[in-house]
Amino acid sequence: MAVIIEAAGSKDFFGRSSGQAQGQLVGVYVRPEHRGTELIGALVGAALDWAWSLEEPRLDRVRLYVHERNQRARAAYLKLGFAPTGAGMPAQDDPLLREVELAIARP
C-alpha cells in the first residue's frame, strides 16, 4: 500500500483538479490467508496516522477507489470509517474498471 499526496489545485491521475489537499491510498492488498483478520485495519491505520501527521501539505482527507463489485473490500473500508463520496471512475466501455470513491476526513 502507498499513499499518494495531492496538493490542493493539482491534477490527479484522472486529470481532475483537486480542490483540497488530500491523500490517496493505492495498491492496497492483503494476502488471502490474512483476509478477515485485523491486518487491514492496522495497515490502513498506519497509513492514516502518517497522512494526518504531515504538516505540509496538511491533508483534509484521504480517499481510495474500490471496484464496485468488490463488496468485501468495500465493507472493510466502511468499517474503518471511509464513506462513499458519490464520485467514481465509471469506465463505460469496460465494466471491469468501474470504481467508486470512498474517503475519510481528517479527525
N, C-alpha and C. Protein backbone atom coordinates (compact mmCIF):
# COMPACT_ATOMS: atom_id res chain seq x y z
N MET A 1 0.85 -1.17 0.00
CA MET A 1 0.00 0.00 0.00
C MET A 1 0.89 1.23 0.00
N ALA A 2 0.41 2.25 -0.66
CA ALA A 2 1.11 3.53 -0.69
C ALA A 2 0.09 4.65 -0.53
N VAL A 3 0.57 5.81 -0.10
CA VAL A 3 -0.27 7.00 -0.02
C VAL A 3 0.31 8.02 -0.99
N ILE A 4 -0.49 8.41 -1.96
CA ILE A 4 -0.10 9.47 -2.90
C ILE A 4 -0.62 10.79 -2.32
N ILE A 5 0.23 11.79 -2.29
CA ILE A 5 -0.16 13.10 -1.78
C ILE A 5 -0.54 13.99 -2.95
N GLU A 6 -1.72 14.60 -2.85
CA GLU A 6 -2.22 15.50 -3.88
C GLU A 6 -2.43 16.88 -3.26
N ALA A 7 -1.67 17.85 -3.71
CA ALA A 7 -1.81 19.22 -3.20
C ALA A 7 -3.09 19.83 -3.75
N ALA A 8 -3.67 20.76 -3.02
CA ALA A 8 -4.87 21.47 -3.49
C ALA A 8 -4.57 22.12 -4.82
N GLY A 9 -5.47 21.98 -5.77
CA GLY A 9 -5.30 22.56 -7.09
C GLY A 9 -4.52 21.71 -8.07
N SER A 10 -3.91 20.63 -7.59
CA SER A 10 -3.16 19.77 -8.50
C SER A 10 -4.12 18.86 -9.25
N LYS A 11 -3.65 18.26 -10.32
CA LYS A 11 -4.45 17.32 -11.09
C LYS A 11 -4.14 15.91 -10.60
N ASP A 12 -5.19 15.12 -10.42
CA ASP A 12 -4.98 13.73 -10.04
C ASP A 12 -4.71 12.90 -11.29
N PHE A 13 -4.53 11.60 -11.12
CA PHE A 13 -4.18 10.78 -12.27
C PHE A 13 -5.33 10.58 -13.25
N PHE A 14 -6.52 11.07 -12.92
CA PHE A 14 -7.64 11.07 -13.86
C PHE A 14 -7.72 12.39 -14.62
N GLY A 15 -6.83 13.34 -14.27
CA GLY A 15 -6.83 14.65 -14.91
C GLY A 15 -7.79 15.63 -14.29
N ARG A 16 -8.41 15.25 -13.16
CA ARG A 16 -9.34 16.14 -12.47
C ARG A 16 -8.58 16.98 -11.46
N SER A 17 -8.99 18.22 -11.30
CA SER A 17 -8.36 19.13 -10.35
C SER A 17 -8.87 18.85 -8.94
N SER A 18 -7.94 18.79 -8.00
CA SER A 18 -8.30 18.56 -6.61
C SER A 18 -8.52 19.91 -5.93
N GLY A 19 -9.67 20.07 -5.30
CA GLY A 19 -9.99 21.32 -4.62
C GLY A 19 -9.41 21.40 -3.23
N GLN A 20 -8.79 20.33 -2.78
CA GLN A 20 -8.25 20.31 -1.42
C GLN A 20 -7.02 19.41 -1.37
N ALA A 21 -6.20 19.63 -0.36
CA ALA A 21 -5.06 18.75 -0.16
C ALA A 21 -5.60 17.42 0.36
N GLN A 22 -5.17 16.34 -0.27
CA GLN A 22 -5.67 15.03 0.12
C GLN A 22 -4.64 13.97 -0.16
N GLY A 23 -4.83 12.84 0.48
CA GLY A 23 -4.03 11.67 0.19
C GLY A 23 -4.89 10.66 -0.53
N GLN A 24 -4.24 9.75 -1.23
CA GLN A 24 -4.97 8.67 -1.87
C GLN A 24 -4.26 7.36 -1.60
N LEU A 25 -5.00 6.42 -1.02
CA LEU A 25 -4.46 5.08 -0.80
C LEU A 25 -4.51 4.32 -2.11
N VAL A 26 -3.40 3.72 -2.49
CA VAL A 26 -3.32 2.92 -3.70
C VAL A 26 -2.58 1.62 -3.41
N GLY A 27 -2.84 0.64 -4.20
CA GLY A 27 -2.12 -0.63 -4.07
C GLY A 27 -2.41 -1.38 -2.79
N VAL A 28 -3.61 -1.23 -2.27
CA VAL A 28 -3.97 -1.93 -1.03
C VAL A 28 -4.20 -3.39 -1.36
N TYR A 29 -3.45 -4.26 -0.71
CA TYR A 29 -3.59 -5.70 -0.94
C TYR A 29 -3.26 -6.45 0.33
N VAL A 30 -4.13 -7.36 0.67
CA VAL A 30 -3.90 -8.27 1.80
C VAL A 30 -3.96 -9.68 1.24
N ARG A 31 -2.95 -10.46 1.52
CA ARG A 31 -2.92 -11.84 1.03
C ARG A 31 -4.14 -12.60 1.54
N PRO A 32 -4.65 -13.51 0.74
CA PRO A 32 -5.88 -14.23 1.10
C PRO A 32 -5.86 -14.86 2.48
N GLU A 33 -4.75 -15.40 2.88
CA GLU A 33 -4.71 -16.07 4.20
C GLU A 33 -4.79 -15.09 5.37
N HIS A 34 -4.66 -13.78 5.10
CA HIS A 34 -4.75 -12.78 6.16
C HIS A 34 -6.03 -11.95 6.09
N ARG A 35 -6.86 -12.24 5.10
CA ARG A 35 -8.13 -11.52 4.99
C ARG A 35 -9.07 -11.99 6.10
N GLY A 36 -9.88 -11.06 6.58
CA GLY A 36 -10.79 -11.39 7.67
C GLY A 36 -10.15 -11.24 9.04
N THR A 37 -8.89 -10.82 9.06
CA THR A 37 -8.20 -10.54 10.33
C THR A 37 -8.21 -9.02 10.52
N GLU A 38 -7.52 -8.55 11.50
CA GLU A 38 -7.44 -7.11 11.74
C GLU A 38 -6.27 -6.45 10.99
N LEU A 39 -5.61 -7.20 10.11
CA LEU A 39 -4.44 -6.68 9.42
C LEU A 39 -4.77 -5.45 8.58
N ILE A 40 -5.88 -5.46 7.85
CA ILE A 40 -6.23 -4.31 7.01
C ILE A 40 -6.40 -3.05 7.87
N GLY A 41 -6.99 -3.20 9.05
CA GLY A 41 -7.15 -2.06 9.94
C GLY A 41 -5.82 -1.51 10.40
N ALA A 42 -4.89 -2.40 10.71
CA ALA A 42 -3.56 -1.96 11.14
C ALA A 42 -2.82 -1.25 10.01
N LEU A 43 -2.89 -1.81 8.81
CA LEU A 43 -2.21 -1.20 7.66
C LEU A 43 -2.79 0.17 7.31
N VAL A 44 -4.09 0.22 7.19
CA VAL A 44 -4.75 1.49 6.85
C VAL A 44 -4.57 2.49 7.99
N GLY A 45 -4.66 2.02 9.22
CA GLY A 45 -4.45 2.90 10.37
C GLY A 45 -3.07 3.54 10.36
N ALA A 46 -2.04 2.75 10.05
CA ALA A 46 -0.68 3.29 9.98
C ALA A 46 -0.56 4.32 8.85
N ALA A 47 -1.19 4.03 7.71
CA ALA A 47 -1.14 4.97 6.59
C ALA A 47 -1.85 6.28 6.95
N LEU A 48 -3.00 6.17 7.61
CA LEU A 48 -3.73 7.38 8.01
C LEU A 48 -2.97 8.17 9.07
N ASP A 49 -2.37 7.49 10.03
CA ASP A 49 -1.57 8.18 11.04
C ASP A 49 -0.46 8.99 10.37
N TRP A 50 0.21 8.39 9.39
CA TRP A 50 1.27 9.09 8.67
C TRP A 50 0.69 10.28 7.90
N ALA A 51 -0.43 10.05 7.18
CA ALA A 51 -1.03 11.13 6.39
C ALA A 51 -1.44 12.31 7.27
N TRP A 52 -2.05 12.03 8.41
CA TRP A 52 -2.50 13.11 9.29
C TRP A 52 -1.32 13.81 9.95
N SER A 53 -0.17 13.18 10.02
CA SER A 53 0.98 13.80 10.67
C SER A 53 1.69 14.82 9.77
N LEU A 54 1.39 14.82 8.48
CA LEU A 54 2.05 15.76 7.57
C LEU A 54 1.67 17.19 7.91
N GLU A 55 2.66 18.05 7.90
CA GLU A 55 2.39 19.47 8.14
C GLU A 55 2.25 20.25 6.84
N GLU A 56 2.92 19.80 5.79
CA GLU A 56 2.85 20.50 4.50
C GLU A 56 2.90 19.49 3.38
N PRO A 57 1.86 19.31 2.63
CA PRO A 57 0.57 19.94 2.84
C PRO A 57 -0.22 19.24 3.95
N ARG A 58 -1.00 20.01 4.66
CA ARG A 58 -1.88 19.45 5.68
C ARG A 58 -3.07 18.85 4.95
N LEU A 59 -3.27 17.56 5.10
CA LEU A 59 -4.31 16.87 4.34
C LEU A 59 -5.67 17.00 5.01
N ASP A 60 -6.68 17.27 4.20
CA ASP A 60 -8.05 17.38 4.68
C ASP A 60 -8.76 16.03 4.68
N ARG A 61 -8.32 15.16 3.78
CA ARG A 61 -8.95 13.85 3.69
C ARG A 61 -8.02 12.88 3.00
N VAL A 62 -8.36 11.60 3.11
CA VAL A 62 -7.69 10.53 2.37
C VAL A 62 -8.78 9.77 1.65
N ARG A 63 -8.53 9.46 0.39
CA ARG A 63 -9.51 8.74 -0.40
C ARG A 63 -8.90 7.47 -0.98
N LEU A 64 -9.77 6.65 -1.52
CA LEU A 64 -9.34 5.46 -2.24
C LEU A 64 -10.44 5.09 -3.22
N TYR A 65 -10.10 4.25 -4.16
CA TYR A 65 -11.08 3.74 -5.11
C TYR A 65 -11.16 2.24 -4.92
N VAL A 66 -12.37 1.72 -5.00
CA VAL A 66 -12.60 0.28 -4.87
C VAL A 66 -13.58 -0.14 -5.97
N HIS A 67 -13.35 -1.29 -6.55
CA HIS A 67 -14.23 -1.77 -7.61
C HIS A 67 -15.64 -1.92 -7.07
N GLU A 68 -16.61 -1.50 -7.86
CA GLU A 68 -18.00 -1.51 -7.41
C GLU A 68 -18.50 -2.89 -7.03
N ARG A 69 -17.90 -3.94 -7.54
CA ARG A 69 -18.32 -5.31 -7.22
C ARG A 69 -17.53 -5.94 -6.08
N ASN A 70 -16.53 -5.25 -5.58
CA ASN A 70 -15.70 -5.81 -4.51
C ASN A 70 -16.33 -5.47 -3.16
N GLN A 71 -17.39 -6.16 -2.84
CA GLN A 71 -18.15 -5.87 -1.62
C GLN A 71 -17.36 -6.14 -0.35
N ARG A 72 -16.50 -7.13 -0.37
CA ARG A 72 -15.71 -7.44 0.82
C ARG A 72 -14.76 -6.29 1.16
N ALA A 73 -14.04 -5.80 0.17
CA ALA A 73 -13.12 -4.68 0.41
C ALA A 73 -13.90 -3.43 0.80
N ARG A 74 -14.98 -3.19 0.10
CA ARG A 74 -15.80 -2.01 0.39
C ARG A 74 -16.30 -2.05 1.84
N ALA A 75 -16.76 -3.21 2.28
CA ALA A 75 -17.23 -3.36 3.66
C ALA A 75 -16.11 -3.11 4.66
N ALA A 76 -14.91 -3.58 4.33
CA ALA A 76 -13.77 -3.36 5.23
C ALA A 76 -13.46 -1.87 5.35
N TYR A 77 -13.48 -1.14 4.24
CA TYR A 77 -13.20 0.30 4.28
C TYR A 77 -14.28 1.07 5.02
N LEU A 78 -15.53 0.68 4.81
CA LEU A 78 -16.63 1.33 5.53
C LEU A 78 -16.48 1.11 7.03
N LYS A 79 -16.10 -0.08 7.42
CA LYS A 79 -15.89 -0.40 8.84
C LYS A 79 -14.77 0.46 9.44
N LEU A 80 -13.80 0.84 8.61
CA LEU A 80 -12.68 1.66 9.07
C LEU A 80 -13.00 3.15 9.08
N GLY A 81 -14.20 3.52 8.65
CA GLY A 81 -14.60 4.92 8.71
C GLY A 81 -14.67 5.65 7.38
N PHE A 82 -14.32 4.98 6.30
CA PHE A 82 -14.44 5.59 4.98
C PHE A 82 -15.91 5.65 4.60
N ALA A 83 -16.27 6.61 3.77
CA ALA A 83 -17.66 6.76 3.33
C ALA A 83 -17.69 7.05 1.83
N PRO A 84 -18.73 6.62 1.15
CA PRO A 84 -18.85 6.92 -0.28
C PRO A 84 -18.97 8.43 -0.50
N THR A 85 -18.31 8.92 -1.54
CA THR A 85 -18.36 10.34 -1.85
C THR A 85 -19.34 10.65 -2.98
N GLY A 86 -19.76 9.64 -3.70
CA GLY A 86 -20.61 9.85 -4.87
C GLY A 86 -19.80 9.98 -6.15
N ALA A 87 -18.50 10.13 -6.01
CA ALA A 87 -17.61 10.21 -7.17
C ALA A 87 -17.15 8.80 -7.52
N GLY A 88 -16.59 8.69 -8.67
CA GLY A 88 -16.08 7.39 -9.07
C GLY A 88 -15.34 7.47 -10.37
N MET A 89 -15.05 6.31 -10.88
CA MET A 89 -14.35 6.20 -12.14
C MET A 89 -15.18 5.29 -13.02
N PRO A 90 -16.23 5.83 -13.63
CA PRO A 90 -17.07 4.98 -14.47
C PRO A 90 -16.40 4.70 -15.80
N ALA A 91 -16.06 3.46 -16.04
CA ALA A 91 -15.49 3.06 -17.32
C ALA A 91 -16.63 2.50 -18.16
N GLN A 92 -17.25 3.34 -18.94
CA GLN A 92 -18.44 2.96 -19.69
C GLN A 92 -18.19 1.81 -20.65
N ASP A 93 -16.98 1.74 -21.17
CA ASP A 93 -16.67 0.69 -22.14
C ASP A 93 -16.21 -0.61 -21.50
N ASP A 94 -15.85 -0.57 -20.24
CA ASP A 94 -15.30 -1.76 -19.59
C ASP A 94 -15.82 -1.87 -18.17
N PRO A 95 -16.79 -2.74 -17.94
CA PRO A 95 -17.35 -2.88 -16.59
C PRO A 95 -16.33 -3.36 -15.55
N LEU A 96 -15.21 -3.92 -16.00
CA LEU A 96 -14.19 -4.36 -15.06
C LEU A 96 -13.44 -3.20 -14.42
N LEU A 97 -13.61 -1.99 -14.97
CA LEU A 97 -12.89 -0.83 -14.46
C LEU A 97 -13.77 0.12 -13.67
N ARG A 98 -15.00 -0.24 -13.36
CA ARG A 98 -15.89 0.66 -12.63
C ARG A 98 -15.51 0.69 -11.16
N GLU A 99 -15.08 1.85 -10.71
CA GLU A 99 -14.64 2.02 -9.33
C GLU A 99 -15.41 3.15 -8.66
N VAL A 100 -15.62 3.01 -7.36
CA VAL A 100 -16.26 4.06 -6.57
C VAL A 100 -15.24 4.65 -5.62
N GLU A 101 -15.42 5.94 -5.33
CA GLU A 101 -14.50 6.63 -4.42
C GLU A 101 -15.08 6.59 -3.01
N LEU A 102 -14.22 6.25 -2.06
CA LEU A 102 -14.53 6.33 -0.64
C LEU A 102 -13.51 7.26 -0.03
N ALA A 103 -13.90 8.02 1.00
CA ALA A 103 -12.97 8.96 1.63
C ALA A 103 -13.21 9.01 3.13
N ILE A 104 -12.19 9.45 3.82
CA ILE A 104 -12.27 9.68 5.25
C ILE A 104 -11.67 11.06 5.52
N ALA A 105 -12.36 11.84 6.33
CA ALA A 105 -11.90 13.18 6.63
C ALA A 105 -10.93 13.17 7.82
N ARG A 106 -10.11 14.19 7.85
CA ARG A 106 -9.18 14.36 8.98
C ARG A 106 -10.01 14.39 10.27
N PRO A 107 -9.57 13.64 11.28
CA PRO A 107 -10.32 13.65 12.55
C PRO A 107 -10.20 14.98 13.27
